[in-house]
Amino acid sequence: MPQITVTEIEVITRKALVAHGAAEWIAAEMAQAVAWAEARNNRICGLYYVESYCQQLVSGRVSGAVDPVVTRPLASRIEVDASNGFAQPAFEKALDQSVAAARETGTVNVAIHRAHTCTALGYFTEKAAQKGMIALGMTNASPIVAPPGGKIRVIGTNPMSFAVPDGKGGVAMGFDQSTTTVALGRITMAKAAGEQIPEGWAVDVDGQPTTDPEAALKGSLTSLGGMEQGYKGWGFGLMVELLAAGMTGGVASCDVKPLKAPEGDPHRLGQFFMLIDPSASPAFYDRLSQVSDATAENTGSRMPGQNKVLNEAVDVPDALWALMQSLSNGPVHADV
């Protein structure tokens, strides 16, 4: 298993996306997002997603050449039509205007619609925090979660992310998590590896706890809190659903098709962000320091994401790296 630098990962990802029809600036933004995920050990949102990006660029399920359209219908609202393209370049195109609007009004919501899956939400919120904004992000996904005690899937893993600036161009804290006990990718990777999953992660089609990843994928993931207190995570999942779909015009989870399928209709997902200017409250950075210092008094503790050491290189399975080299050389084929 070779060790590949994050820089090499970014370069080969950009080449692969360009080779499959993405515009240079869009491929560069997506490659940065993939490298960002790999540097943070988020394998699910890194190289493992590139093959599906390439397949869907070729099939037309995602457009790699569209120019996102940014409008400001209200003083405190920025809307971005991703035009069935990737979410990352849509957010990037709107970011400076969104930050300016938040500084003007104190807070602004950014609603992206007709977008591809955004994979790691932390990539977006961190970018906003580095520009001095408190950022909250949400998106929905294909249905994999039934209500606690139920069997019929209603919502997706519905992740949310939160990032806080340090006032110096950096990030004081940040987290990115699903509203389920684990992310869906943890289940699919366990299945691919032929491994069992811990009890409490999912239930089967009959609503019974299971350690079989295949049964879990046919059943339902549990909301945060697990079998006993999943109603807590269920509430957060519904909040994300209503904001990510309702406030953007994106599709509801129950209508989202499998995200990695090579062909089919565009995802048409919504991503909802709130950007808050911390300077609206003179007390913000004092309170941030107070909470951070109190956290650090606990030996070995820190604010989420604080002082995180990023990977400069990562172990990449031989087959995956060979696939990346193939993808970087030209369009995918039916047997890829």
C-alpha atoms as a PDB file:
ATOM      1  CA  MET A   1       0.000   0.000   0.000  1.00  0.00           C
ATOM      2  CA  PRO A   2       1.772   3.186  -1.164  1.00  0.00           C
ATOM      3  CA  GLN A   3       1.975   6.376   0.846  1.00  0.00           C
ATOM      4  CA  ILE A   4       0.744   9.237  -1.305  1.00  0.00           C
ATOM      5  CA  THR A   5       1.141  12.894  -0.427  1.00  0.00           C
ATOM      6  CA  VAL A   6      -1.969  14.995  -0.113  1.00  0.00           C
ATOM      7  CA  THR A   7      -0.514  17.277  -2.805  1.00  0.00           C
ATOM      8  CA  GLU A   8      -0.295  14.309  -5.200  1.00  0.00           C
ATOM      9  CA  ILE A   9      -3.872  13.383  -4.359  1.00  0.00           C
ATOM     10  CA  GLU A  10      -5.035  16.884  -5.229  1.00  0.00           C
ATOM     11  CA  VAL A  11      -3.110  16.881  -8.517  1.00  0.00           C
ATOM     12  CA  ILE A  12      -4.342  13.484  -9.722  1.00  0.00           C
ATOM     13  CA  THR A  13      -7.938  14.248  -8.708  1.00  0.00           C
ATOM     14  CA  ARG A  14      -7.906  17.465 -10.710  1.00  0.00           C
ATOM     15  CA  LYS A  15      -6.506  15.621 -13.737  1.00  0.00           C
ATOM     16  CA  ALA A  16      -9.128  12.889 -13.455  1.00  0.00           C
ATOM     17  CA  LEU A  17     -12.024  15.346 -13.282  1.00  0.00           C
ATOM     18  CA  VAL A  18     -10.733  17.428 -16.194  1.00  0.00           C
ATOM     19  CA  ALA A  19     -10.269  14.227 -18.213  1.00  0.00           C
ATOM     20  CA  HIS A  20     -13.948  13.451 -17.661  1.00  0.00           C
ATOM     21  CA  GLY A  21     -15.306  16.838 -18.679  1.00  0.00           C
ATOM     22  CA  ALA A  22     -14.982  19.199 -15.714  1.00  0.00           C
ATOM     23  CA  ALA A  23     -13.876  22.775 -16.302  1.00  0.00           C
ATOM     24  CA  GLU A  24     -10.428  23.522 -14.942  1.00  0.00           C
ATOM     25  CA  TRP A  25     -11.594  25.817 -12.116  1.00  0.00           C
ATOM     26  CA  ILE A  26     -14.312  23.400 -11.047  1.00  0.00           C
ATOM     27  CA  ALA A  27     -11.922  20.441 -11.102  1.00  0.00           C
ATOM     28  CA  ALA A  28      -9.429  22.442  -9.038  1.00  0.00           C
ATOM     29  CA  GLU A  29     -12.061  23.244  -6.389  1.00  0.00           C
ATOM     30  CA  MET A  30     -13.227  19.633  -6.214  1.00  0.00           C
ATOM     31  CA  ALA A  31      -9.649  18.353  -6.014  1.00  0.00           C
ATOM     32  CA  GLN A  32      -9.014  20.710  -3.114  1.00  0.00           C
ATOM     33  CA  ALA A  33     -12.072  19.297  -1.326  1.00  0.00           C
ATOM     34  CA  VAL A  34     -10.898  15.706  -1.871  1.00  0.00           C
ATOM     35  CA  ALA A  35      -7.418  16.550  -0.582  1.00  0.00           C
ATOM     36  CA  TRP A  36      -8.959  18.371   2.393  1.00  0.00           C
ATOM     37  CA  ALA A  37     -10.856  15.221   3.349  1.00  0.00           C
ATOM     38  CA  GLU A  38      -7.844  12.928   2.967  1.00  0.00           C
ATOM     39  CA  ALA A  39      -5.692  15.242   5.094  1.00  0.00           C
ATOM     40  CA  ARG A  40      -8.236  14.811   7.900  1.00  0.00           C
ATOM     41  CA  ASN A  41      -8.596  11.020   7.660  1.00  0.00           C
ATOM     42  CA  ASN A  42     -12.064  11.410   6.148  1.00  0.00           C
ATOM     43  CA  ARG A  43     -11.584   8.599   3.657  1.00  0.00           C
ATOM     44  CA  ILE A  44     -15.290   8.365   2.916  1.00  0.00           C
ATOM     45  CA  CYS A  45     -15.346  11.866   1.376  1.00  0.00           C
ATOM     46  CA  GLY A  46     -11.909  11.663  -0.248  1.00  0.00           C
ATOM     47  CA  LEU A  47     -10.520   9.481  -3.021  1.00  0.00           C
ATOM     48  CA  TYR A  48     -13.281   6.894  -2.637  1.00  0.00           C
ATOM     49  CA  TYR A  49     -15.707   9.414  -4.154  1.00  0.00           C
ATOM     50  CA  VAL A  50     -13.676  10.362  -7.227  1.00  0.00           C
ATOM     51  CA  GLU A  51     -14.720   7.389  -9.364  1.00  0.00           C
ATOM     52  CA  SER A  52     -18.403   8.272  -8.968  1.00  0.00           C
ATOM     53  CA  TYR A  53     -17.669  11.926  -9.763  1.00  0.00           C
ATOM     54  CA  CYS A  54     -16.028  10.828 -13.014  1.00  0.00           C
ATOM     55  CA  GLN A  55     -18.761   8.354 -13.934  1.00  0.00           C
ATOM     56  CA  GLN A  56     -21.465  10.942 -13.327  1.00  0.00           C
ATOM     57  CA  LEU A  57     -19.634  13.615 -15.292  1.00  0.00           C
ATOM     58  CA  VAL A  58     -19.634  11.262 -18.288  1.00  0.00           C
ATOM     59  CA  SER A  59     -23.273  10.198 -17.883  1.00  0.00           C
ATOM     60  CA  GLY A  60     -24.445  13.778 -17.326  1.00  0.00           C
ATOM     61  CA  ARG A  61     -25.758  13.159 -13.832  1.00  0.00           C
ATOM     62  CA  VAL A  62     -23.555  16.062 -12.745  1.00  0.00           C
ATOM     63  CA  SER A  63     -22.370  18.933 -14.911  1.00  0.00           C
ATOM     64  CA  GLY A  64     -18.744  19.963 -14.635  1.00  0.00           C
ATOM     65  CA  ALA A  65     -18.959  23.001 -16.866  1.00  0.00           C
ATOM     66  CA  VAL A  66     -21.866  25.079 -15.520  1.00  0.00           C
ATOM     67  CA  ASP A  67     -21.404  28.496 -13.977  1.00  0.00           C
ATOM     68  CA  PRO A  68     -23.337  28.763 -10.665  1.00  0.00           C
ATOM     69  CA  VAL A  69     -25.743  31.710 -10.492  1.00  0.00           C
ATOM     70  CA  VAL A  70     -25.614  33.821  -7.322  1.00  0.00           C
ATOM     71  CA  THR A  71     -28.424  36.199  -6.349  1.00  0.00           C
ATOM     72  CA  ARG A  72     -29.384  38.187  -3.248  1.00  0.00           C
ATOM     73  CA  PRO A  73     -33.194  38.374  -3.057  1.00  0.00           C
ATOM     74  CA  LEU A  74     -33.110  39.665   0.527  1.00  0.00           C
ATOM     75  CA  ALA A  75     -30.501  41.597   2.474  1.00  0.00           C
ATOM     76  CA  SER A  76     -29.906  38.564   4.685  1.00  0.00           C
ATOM     77  CA  ARG A  77     -30.235  35.825   2.056  1.00  0.00           C
ATOM     78  CA  ILE A  78     -27.913  34.624  -0.702  1.00  0.00           C
ATOM     79  CA  GLU A  79     -29.257  32.072  -3.176  1.00  0.00           C
ATOM     80  CA  VAL A  80     -27.045  29.939  -5.399  1.00  0.00           C
ATOM     81  CA  ASP A  81     -28.339  27.906  -8.318  1.00  0.00           C
ATOM     82  CA  ALA A  82     -25.697  25.208  -8.748  1.00  0.00           C
ATOM     83  CA  SER A  83     -27.371  24.299 -12.065  1.00  0.00           C
ATOM     84  CA  ASN A  84     -26.975  20.567 -11.438  1.00  0.00           C
ATOM     85  CA  GLY A  85     -23.262  21.021 -10.863  1.00  0.00           C
ATOM     86  CA  PHE A  86     -21.042  20.421  -7.857  1.00  0.00           C
ATOM     87  CA  ALA A  87     -21.816  22.113  -4.539  1.00  0.00           C
ATOM     88  CA  GLN A  88     -18.227  23.117  -3.717  1.00  0.00           C
ATOM     89  CA  PRO A  89     -17.702  25.553  -6.624  1.00  0.00           C
ATOM     90  CA  ALA A  90     -21.226  26.915  -6.083  1.00  0.00           C
ATOM     91  CA  PHE A  91     -20.337  27.777  -2.495  1.00  0.00           C
ATOM     92  CA  GLU A  92     -16.955  29.190  -3.482  1.00  0.00           C
ATOM     93  CA  LYS A  93     -18.516  31.511  -6.045  1.00  0.00           C
ATOM     94  CA  ALA A  94     -20.949  32.868  -3.441  1.00  0.00           C
ATOM     95  CA  LEU A  95     -18.586  33.015  -0.466  1.00  0.00           C
ATOM     96  CA  ASP A  96     -17.167  36.522  -0.734  1.00  0.00           C
ATOM     97  CA  GLN A  97     -20.592  38.053  -1.367  1.00  0.00           C
ATOM     98  CA  SER A  98     -22.045  36.031   1.518  1.00  0.00           C
ATOM     99  CA  VAL A  99     -19.334  37.208   3.912  1.00  0.00           C
ATOM    100  CA  ALA A 100     -19.885  40.807   2.843  1.00  0.00           C
ATOM    101  CA  ALA A 101     -23.649  40.425   3.386  1.00  0.00           C
ATOM    102  CA  ALA A 102     -23.091  38.948   6.866  1.00  0.00           C
ATOM    103  CA  ARG A 103     -20.852  41.869   7.810  1.00  0.00           C
ATOM    104  CA  GLU A 104     -23.551  44.239   6.609  1.00  0.00           C
ATOM    105  CA  THR A 105     -26.535  42.601   8.284  1.00  0.00           C
ATOM    106  CA  GLY A 106     -24.972  40.598  11.130  1.00  0.00           C
ATOM    107  CA  THR A 107     -26.131  37.266   9.735  1.00  0.00           C
ATOM    108  CA  VAL A 108     -26.972  35.807   6.341  1.00  0.00           C
ATOM    109  CA  ASN A 109     -28.328  32.476   5.178  1.00  0.00           C
ATOM    110  CA  VAL A 110     -26.851  30.908   2.062  1.00  0.00           C
ATOM    111  CA  ALA A 111     -29.169  28.572   0.181  1.00  0.00           C
ATOM    112  CA  ILE A 112     -27.651  26.372  -2.514  1.00  0.00           C
ATOM    113  CA  HIS A 113     -30.054  24.386  -4.656  1.00  0.00           C
ATOM    114  CA  ARG A 114     -29.875  22.019  -7.644  1.00  0.00           C
ATOM    115  CA  ALA A 115     -26.526  20.778  -6.346  1.00  0.00           C
ATOM    116  CA  HIS A 116     -24.591  17.529  -6.308  1.00  0.00           C
ATOM    117  CA  THR A 117     -23.796  15.869  -2.992  1.00  0.00           C
ATOM    118  CA  CYS A 118     -21.407  18.070  -1.018  1.00  0.00           C
ATOM    119  CA  THR A 119     -19.621  15.169   0.768  1.00  0.00           C
ATOM    120  CA  ALA A 120     -17.704  16.847   3.672  1.00  0.00           C
ATOM    121  CA  LEU A 121     -19.679  19.801   5.042  1.00  0.00           C
ATOM    122  CA  GLY A 122     -16.722  20.802   7.196  1.00  0.00           C
ATOM    123  CA  TYR A 123     -14.911  21.887   4.048  1.00  0.00           C
ATOM    124  CA  PHE A 124     -17.514  24.615   3.550  1.00  0.00           C
ATOM    125  CA  THR A 125     -17.848  25.823   7.120  1.00  0.00           C
ATOM    126  CA  GLU A 126     -14.074  25.932   7.608  1.00  0.00           C
ATOM    127  CA  LYS A 127     -13.729  28.147   4.537  1.00  0.00           C
ATOM    128  CA  ALA A 128     -16.252  30.581   5.975  1.00  0.00           C
ATOM    129  CA  ALA A 129     -14.574  30.545   9.398  1.00  0.00           C
ATOM    130  CA  GLN A 130     -11.218  31.340   7.815  1.00  0.00           C
ATOM    131  CA  LYS A 131     -12.871  34.477   6.463  1.00  0.00           C
ATOM    132  CA  GLY A 132     -13.984  35.447   9.965  1.00  0.00           C
ATOM    133  CA  MET A 133     -17.505  34.028  10.017  1.00  0.00           C
ATOM    134  CA  ILE A 134     -19.235  31.702  12.459  1.00  0.00           C
ATOM    135  CA  ALA A 135     -20.663  29.094  10.092  1.00  0.00           C
ATOM    136  CA  LEU A 136     -23.371  26.447  10.398  1.00  0.00           C
ATOM    137  CA  GLY A 137     -23.984  24.099   7.477  1.00  0.00           C
ATOM    138  CA  MET A 138     -26.561  21.391   6.736  1.00  0.00           C
ATOM    139  CA  THR A 139     -27.556  19.059   3.927  1.00  0.00           C
ATOM    140  CA  ASN A 140     -29.793  16.039   3.432  1.00  0.00           C
ATOM    141  CA  ALA A 141     -29.194  12.776   1.598  1.00  0.00           C
ATOM    142  CA  SER A 142     -30.834   9.624   0.265  1.00  0.00           C
ATOM    143  CA  PRO A 143     -33.279   8.018   2.746  1.00  0.00           C
ATOM    144  CA  ILE A 144     -31.656   5.595   5.172  1.00  0.00           C
ATOM    145  CA  VAL A 145     -33.220   6.568   8.521  1.00  0.00           C
ATOM    146  CA  ALA A 146     -36.630   5.570   9.865  1.00  0.00           C
ATOM    147  CA  PRO A 147     -38.175   7.286  12.899  1.00  0.00           C
ATOM    148  CA  PRO A 148     -37.216   5.666  16.222  1.00  0.00           C
ATOM    149  CA  GLY A 149     -39.302   2.521  16.533  1.00  0.00           C
ATOM    150  CA  GLY A 150     -40.310   2.662  12.857  1.00  0.00           C
ATOM    151  CA  LYS A 151     -39.329   0.768   9.706  1.00  0.00           C
ATOM    152  CA  ILE A 152     -40.026   3.147   6.813  1.00  0.00           C
ATOM    153  CA  ARG A 153     -37.121   5.389   5.857  1.00  0.00           C
ATOM    154  CA  VAL A 154     -37.895   9.100   5.874  1.00  0.00           C
ATOM    155  CA  ILE A 155     -34.630  11.063   6.018  1.00  0.00           C
ATOM    156  CA  GLY A 156     -30.950  10.628   5.237  1.00  0.00           C
ATOM    157  CA  THR A 157     -27.924  10.751   7.508  1.00  0.00           C
ATOM    158  CA  ASN A 158     -28.479  14.522   7.281  1.00  0.00           C
ATOM    159  CA  PRO A 159     -25.131  15.872   8.451  1.00  0.00           C
ATOM    160  CA  MET A 160     -24.446  19.252   9.987  1.00  0.00           C
ATOM    161  CA  SER A 161     -21.235  21.175  10.518  1.00  0.00           C
ATOM    162  CA  PHE A 162     -20.232  24.114  12.691  1.00  0.00           C
ATOM    163  CA  ALA A 163     -17.045  26.187  12.569  1.00  0.00           C
ATOM    164  CA  VAL A 164     -15.864  29.162  14.616  1.00  0.00           C
ATOM    165  CA  PRO A 165     -13.161  31.662  13.617  1.00  0.00           C
ATOM    166  CA  ASP A 166     -10.273  32.438  15.949  1.00  0.00           C
ATOM    167  CA  GLY A 167     -10.170  36.108  14.922  1.00  0.00           C
ATOM    168  CA  LYS A 168      -6.750  35.636  13.295  1.00  0.00           C
ATOM    169  CA  GLY A 169      -7.679  33.989  10.008  1.00  0.00           C
ATOM    170  CA  GLY A 170      -7.823  30.510  11.502  1.00  0.00           C
ATOM    171  CA  VAL A 171     -10.423  28.192  12.997  1.00  0.00           C
ATOM    172  CA  ALA A 172     -10.926  27.981  16.767  1.00  0.00           C
ATOM    173  CA  MET A 173     -13.187  24.939  16.615  1.00  0.00           C
ATOM    174  CA  GLY A 174     -15.138  22.938  14.116  1.00  0.00           C
ATOM    175  CA  PHE A 175     -17.073  19.716  13.775  1.00  0.00           C
ATOM    176  CA  ASP A 176     -18.799  17.837  10.989  1.00  0.00           C
ATOM    177  CA  GLN A 177     -21.123  14.971  11.877  1.00  0.00           C
ATOM    178  CA  SER A 178     -24.110  13.048  10.683  1.00  0.00           C
ATOM    179  CA  THR A 179     -27.286  13.027  12.734  1.00  0.00           C
ATOM    180  CA  THR A 180     -27.126   9.231  12.735  1.00  0.00           C
ATOM    181  CA  THR A 181     -25.020   7.129  15.101  1.00  0.00           C
ATOM    182  CA  VAL A 182     -22.466   6.699  12.293  1.00  0.00           C
ATOM    183  CA  ALA A 183     -22.097   7.924   8.721  1.00  0.00           C
ATOM    184  CA  LEU A 184     -23.477   5.686   5.978  1.00  0.00           C
ATOM    185  CA  GLY A 185     -19.973   5.253   4.559  1.00  0.00           C
ATOM    186  CA  ARG A 186     -18.906   3.403   7.710  1.00  0.00           C
ATOM    187  CA  ILE A 187     -21.540   0.779   6.923  1.00  0.00           C
ATOM    188  CA  THR A 188     -20.654   0.447   3.233  1.00  0.00           C
ATOM    189  CA  MET A 189     -16.939   0.195   4.008  1.00  0.00           C
ATOM    190  CA  ALA A 190     -17.625  -2.534   6.587  1.00  0.00           C
ATOM    191  CA  LYS A 191     -19.623  -4.455   3.994  1.00  0.00           C
ATOM    192  CA  ALA A 192     -16.831  -4.119   1.416  1.00  0.00           C
ATOM    193  CA  ALA A 193     -14.305  -5.361   3.983  1.00  0.00           C
ATOM    194  CA  GLY A 194     -16.499  -8.289   5.013  1.00  0.00           C
ATOM    195  CA  GLU A 195     -16.673  -6.994   8.579  1.00  0.00           C
ATOM    196  CA  GLN A 196     -19.498  -6.870  11.113  1.00  0.00           C
ATOM    197  CA  ILE A 197     -20.701  -3.572  12.575  1.00  0.00           C
ATOM    198  CA  PRO A 198     -21.278  -2.848  16.283  1.00  0.00           C
ATOM    199  CA  GLU A 199     -24.765  -3.382  17.617  1.00  0.00           C
ATOM    200  CA  GLY A 200     -26.633  -0.087  17.908  1.00  0.00           C
ATOM    201  CA  TRP A 201     -25.535   1.361  14.584  1.00  0.00           C
ATOM    202  CA  ALA A 202     -28.491   0.055  12.585  1.00  0.00           C
ATOM    203  CA  VAL A 203     -31.623  -2.062  12.455  1.00  0.00           C
ATOM    204  CA  ASP A 204     -32.792  -4.535   9.808  1.00  0.00           C
ATOM    205  CA  VAL A 205     -35.943  -4.323   7.699  1.00  0.00           C
ATOM    206  CA  ASP A 206     -37.971  -5.603  10.643  1.00  0.00           C
ATOM    207  CA  GLY A 207     -36.651  -2.872  12.936  1.00  0.00           C
ATOM    208  CA  GLN A 208     -34.467  -5.286  14.913  1.00  0.00           C
ATOM    209  CA  PRO A 209     -30.843  -4.501  15.890  1.00  0.00           C
ATOM    210  CA  THR A 210     -28.280  -5.966  13.492  1.00  0.00           C
ATOM    211  CA  THR A 211     -24.510  -6.334  13.223  1.00  0.00           C
ATOM    212  CA  ASP A 212     -24.696  -7.342   9.547  1.00  0.00           C
ATOM    213  CA  PRO A 213     -23.826  -4.360   7.310  1.00  0.00           C
ATOM    214  CA  GLU A 214     -25.842  -5.783   4.408  1.00  0.00           C
ATOM    215  CA  ALA A 215     -28.922  -6.083   6.611  1.00  0.00           C
ATOM    216  CA  ALA A 216     -28.254  -2.560   7.867  1.00  0.00           C
ATOM    217  CA  LEU A 217     -28.192  -1.195   4.324  1.00  0.00           C
ATOM    218  CA  LYS A 218     -31.545  -2.828   3.647  1.00  0.00           C
ATOM    219  CA  GLY A 219     -32.921  -1.573   6.952  1.00  0.00           C
ATOM    220  CA  SER A 220     -32.242   1.712   8.687  1.00  0.00           C
ATOM    221  CA  LEU A 221     -29.403   3.507  10.431  1.00  0.00           C
ATOM    222  CA  THR A 222     -30.166   4.621  13.969  1.00  0.00           C
ATOM    223  CA  SER A 223     -30.351   8.314  14.807  1.00  0.00           C
ATOM    224  CA  LEU A 224     -27.877   9.808  17.283  1.00  0.00           C
ATOM    225  CA  GLY A 225     -28.600   8.313  20.684  1.00  0.00           C
ATOM    226  CA  GLY A 226     -28.972   4.805  19.293  1.00  0.00           C
ATOM    227  CA  MET A 227     -31.760   2.375  20.040  1.00  0.00           C
ATOM    228  CA  GLU A 228     -32.628   3.865  23.424  1.00  0.00           C
ATOM    229  CA  GLN A 229     -32.477   7.618  22.842  1.00  0.00           C
ATOM    230  CA  GLY A 230     -32.533   7.962  19.086  1.00  0.00           C
ATOM    231  CA  TYR A 231     -35.335  10.505  19.324  1.00  0.00           C
ATOM    232  CA  LYS A 232     -32.655  13.100  20.146  1.00  0.00           C
ATOM    233  CA  GLY A 233     -30.785  12.550  16.894  1.00  0.00           C
ATOM    234  CA  TRP A 234     -34.071  12.160  15.031  1.00  0.00           C
ATOM    235  CA  GLY A 235     -35.001  15.708  16.032  1.00  0.00           C
ATOM    236  CA  PHE A 236     -31.706  17.052  14.735  1.00  0.00           C
ATOM    237  CA  GLY A 237     -32.144  15.048  11.527  1.00  0.00           C
ATOM    238  CA  LEU A 238     -35.579  16.581  10.968  1.00  0.00           C
ATOM    239  CA  MET A 239     -34.223  20.066  11.637  1.00  0.00           C
ATOM    240  CA  VAL A 240     -31.544  19.514   9.000  1.00  0.00           C
ATOM    241  CA  GLU A 241     -34.113  18.089   6.588  1.00  0.00           C
ATOM    242  CA  LEU A 242     -36.465  21.065   6.817  1.00  0.00           C
ATOM    243  CA  LEU A 243     -33.697  23.644   6.487  1.00  0.00           C
ATOM    244  CA  ALA A 244     -31.657  21.853   3.822  1.00  0.00           C
ATOM    245  CA  ALA A 245     -34.650  20.951   1.658  1.00  0.00           C
ATOM    246  CA  GLY A 246     -37.300  23.427   2.733  1.00  0.00           C
ATOM    247  CA  MET A 247     -35.190  26.586   2.814  1.00  0.00           C
ATOM    248  CA  THR A 248     -33.347  25.836  -0.431  1.00  0.00           C
ATOM    249  CA  GLY A 249     -35.968  24.198  -2.614  1.00  0.00           C
ATOM    250  CA  GLY A 250     -33.823  21.053  -2.755  1.00  0.00           C
ATOM    251  CA  VAL A 251     -35.431  17.632  -2.881  1.00  0.00           C
ATOM    252  CA  ALA A 252     -36.600  15.915   0.286  1.00  0.00           C
ATOM    253  CA  SER A 253     -34.572  12.904   1.406  1.00  0.00           C
ATOM    254  CA  CYS A 254     -37.376  10.505   0.536  1.00  0.00           C
ATOM    255  CA  ASP A 255     -36.970  11.544  -3.128  1.00  0.00           C
ATOM    256  CA  VAL A 256     -33.151  11.459  -3.270  1.00  0.00           C
ATOM    257  CA  LYS A 257     -31.845   8.608  -5.420  1.00  0.00           C
ATOM    258  CA  PRO A 258     -28.646   6.661  -4.549  1.00  0.00           C
ATOM    259  CA  LEU A 259     -25.894   9.257  -4.630  1.00  0.00           C
ATOM    260  CA  LYS A 260     -23.158   7.148  -6.210  1.00  0.00           C
ATOM    261  CA  ALA A 261     -25.221   5.569  -8.997  1.00  0.00           C
ATOM    262  CA  PRO A 262     -23.321   6.280 -12.247  1.00  0.00           C
ATOM    263  CA  GLU A 263     -26.435   7.217 -14.198  1.00  0.00           C
ATOM    264  CA  GLY A 264     -29.795   8.784 -13.464  1.00  0.00           C
ATOM    265  CA  ASP A 265     -31.284  12.165 -12.724  1.00  0.00           C
ATOM    266  CA  PRO A 266     -29.116  14.879 -11.149  1.00  0.00           C
ATOM    267  CA  HIS A 267     -29.083  14.910  -7.341  1.00  0.00           C
ATOM    268  CA  ARG A 268     -30.798  18.325  -7.065  1.00  0.00           C
ATOM    269  CA  LEU A 269     -29.850  18.541  -3.395  1.00  0.00           C
ATOM    270  CA  GLY A 270     -29.950  21.632  -1.224  1.00  0.00           C
ATOM    271  CA  GLN A 271     -27.265  22.843   1.163  1.00  0.00           C
ATOM    272  CA  PHE A 272     -28.166  25.434   3.768  1.00  0.00           C
ATOM    273  CA  PHE A 273     -25.641  27.622   5.575  1.00  0.00           C
ATOM    274  CA  MET A 274     -25.873  30.339   8.169  1.00  0.00           C
ATOM    275  CA  LEU A 275     -23.000  32.824   8.367  1.00  0.00           C
ATOM    276  CA  ILE A 276     -22.822  35.002  11.480  1.00  0.00           C
ATOM    277  CA  ASP A 277     -20.465  37.924  11.960  1.00  0.00           C
ATOM    278  CA  PRO A 278     -18.991  37.493  15.462  1.00  0.00           C
ATOM    279  CA  SER A 279     -18.199  41.211  15.633  1.00  0.00           C
ATOM    280  CA  ALA A 280     -21.955  41.765  16.085  1.00  0.00           C
ATOM    281  CA  SER A 281     -21.310  40.826  19.720  1.00  0.00           C
ATOM    282  CA  PRO A 282     -18.288  42.476  21.395  1.00  0.00           C
ATOM    283  CA  ALA A 283     -18.310  39.649  23.930  1.00  0.00           C
ATOM    284  CA  PHE A 284     -17.871  36.816  21.443  1.00  0.00           C
ATOM    285  CA  TYR A 285     -14.109  36.330  21.478  1.00  0.00           C
ATOM    286  CA  ASP A 286     -13.909  36.797  25.254  1.00  0.00           C
ATOM    287  CA  ARG A 287     -16.454  34.017  25.727  1.00  0.00           C
ATOM    288  CA  LEU A 288     -14.691  31.848  23.172  1.00  0.00           C
ATOM    289  CA  SER A 289     -11.431  32.180  25.120  1.00  0.00           C
ATOM    290  CA  GLN A 290     -13.216  31.494  28.392  1.00  0.00           C
ATOM    291  CA  VAL A 291     -14.797  28.277  27.103  1.00  0.00           C
ATOM    292  CA  SER A 292     -11.620  27.154  25.351  1.00  0.00           C
ATOM    293  CA  ASP A 293      -9.494  27.714  28.457  1.00  0.00           C
ATOM    294  CA  ALA A 294     -11.981  25.863  30.664  1.00  0.00           C
ATOM    295  CA  THR A 295     -11.954  22.941  28.234  1.00  0.00           C
ATOM    296  CA  ALA A 296      -8.142  22.836  28.208  1.00  0.00           C
ATOM    297  CA  GLU A 297      -8.069  22.523  31.999  1.00  0.00           C
ATOM    298  CA  ASN A 298      -9.142  18.938  31.455  1.00  0.00           C
ATOM    299  CA  THR A 299      -5.994  16.986  30.666  1.00  0.00           C
ATOM    300  CA  GLY A 300      -5.964  15.766  27.087  1.00  0.00           C
ATOM    301  CA  SER A 301      -9.072  17.743  26.133  1.00  0.00           C
ATOM    302  CA  ARG A 302      -9.512  20.416  23.493  1.00  0.00           C
ATOM    303  CA  MET A 303     -12.210  22.142  21.499  1.00  0.00           C
ATOM    304  CA  PRO A 304     -13.408  20.056  18.520  1.00  0.00           C
ATOM    305  CA  GLY A 305     -10.950  20.350  15.642  1.00  0.00           C
ATOM    306  CA  GLN A 306      -8.543  22.517  17.616  1.00  0.00           C
ATOM    307  CA  ASN A 307      -4.813  21.893  17.029  1.00  0.00           C
ATOM    308  CA  LYS A 308      -5.634  19.058  14.665  1.00  0.00           C
ATOM    309  CA  VAL A 309      -2.528  17.646  12.978  1.00  0.00           C
ATOM    310  CA  LEU A 310      -3.196  17.226   9.270  1.00  0.00           C
ATOM    311  CA  ASN A 311      -1.817  14.381   7.189  1.00  0.00           C
ATOM    312  CA  GLU A 312       0.868  15.321   4.692  1.00  0.00           C
ATOM    313  CA  ALA A 313       0.636  11.841   3.179  1.00  0.00           C
ATOM    314  CA  VAL A 314      -1.802   8.942   3.518  1.00  0.00           C
ATOM    315  CA  ASP A 315      -1.806   5.208   2.837  1.00  0.00           C
ATOM    316  CA  VAL A 316      -3.801   4.527  -0.329  1.00  0.00           C
ATOM    317  CA  PRO A 317      -4.764   0.952  -1.268  1.00  0.00           C
ATOM    318  CA  ASP A 318      -2.982  -0.264  -4.397  1.00  0.00           C
ATOM    319  CA  ALA A 319      -6.232  -0.871  -6.277  1.00  0.00           C
ATOM    320  CA  LEU A 320      -7.550   2.601  -5.471  1.00  0.00           C
ATOM    321  CA  TRP A 321      -4.353   4.333  -6.567  1.00  0.00           C
ATOM    322  CA  ALA A 322      -4.290   2.281  -9.775  1.00  0.00           C
ATOM    323  CA  LEU A 323      -7.878   3.343 -10.400  1.00  0.00           C
ATOM    324  CA  MET A 324      -6.953   7.005  -9.848  1.00  0.00           C
ATOM    325  CA  GLN A 325      -4.115   6.711 -12.361  1.00  0.00           C
ATOM    326  CA  SER A 326      -6.508   5.184 -14.864  1.00  0.00           C
ATOM    327  CA  LEU A 327      -9.132   7.867 -14.281  1.00  0.00           C
ATOM    328  CA  SER A 328      -6.555  10.617 -14.748  1.00  0.00           C
ATOM    329  CA  ASN A 329      -5.783   9.302 -18.237  1.00  0.00           C
ATOM    330  CA  GLY A 330      -9.228   9.486 -19.754  1.00  0.00           C
ATOM    331  CA  PRO A 331     -12.964   8.810 -19.612  1.00  0.00           C
ATOM    332  CA  VAL A 332     -14.297   5.920 -17.591  1.00  0.00           C
ATOM    333  CA  HIS A 333     -15.771   2.909 -19.311  1.00  0.00           C
ATOM    334  CA  ALA A 334     -18.526   0.502 -18.394  1.00  0.00           C
ATOM    335  CA  ASP A 335     -16.095  -1.820 -16.627  1.00  0.00           C
ATOM    336  CA  VAL A 336     -14.540   0.889 -14.407  1.00  0.00           C
END
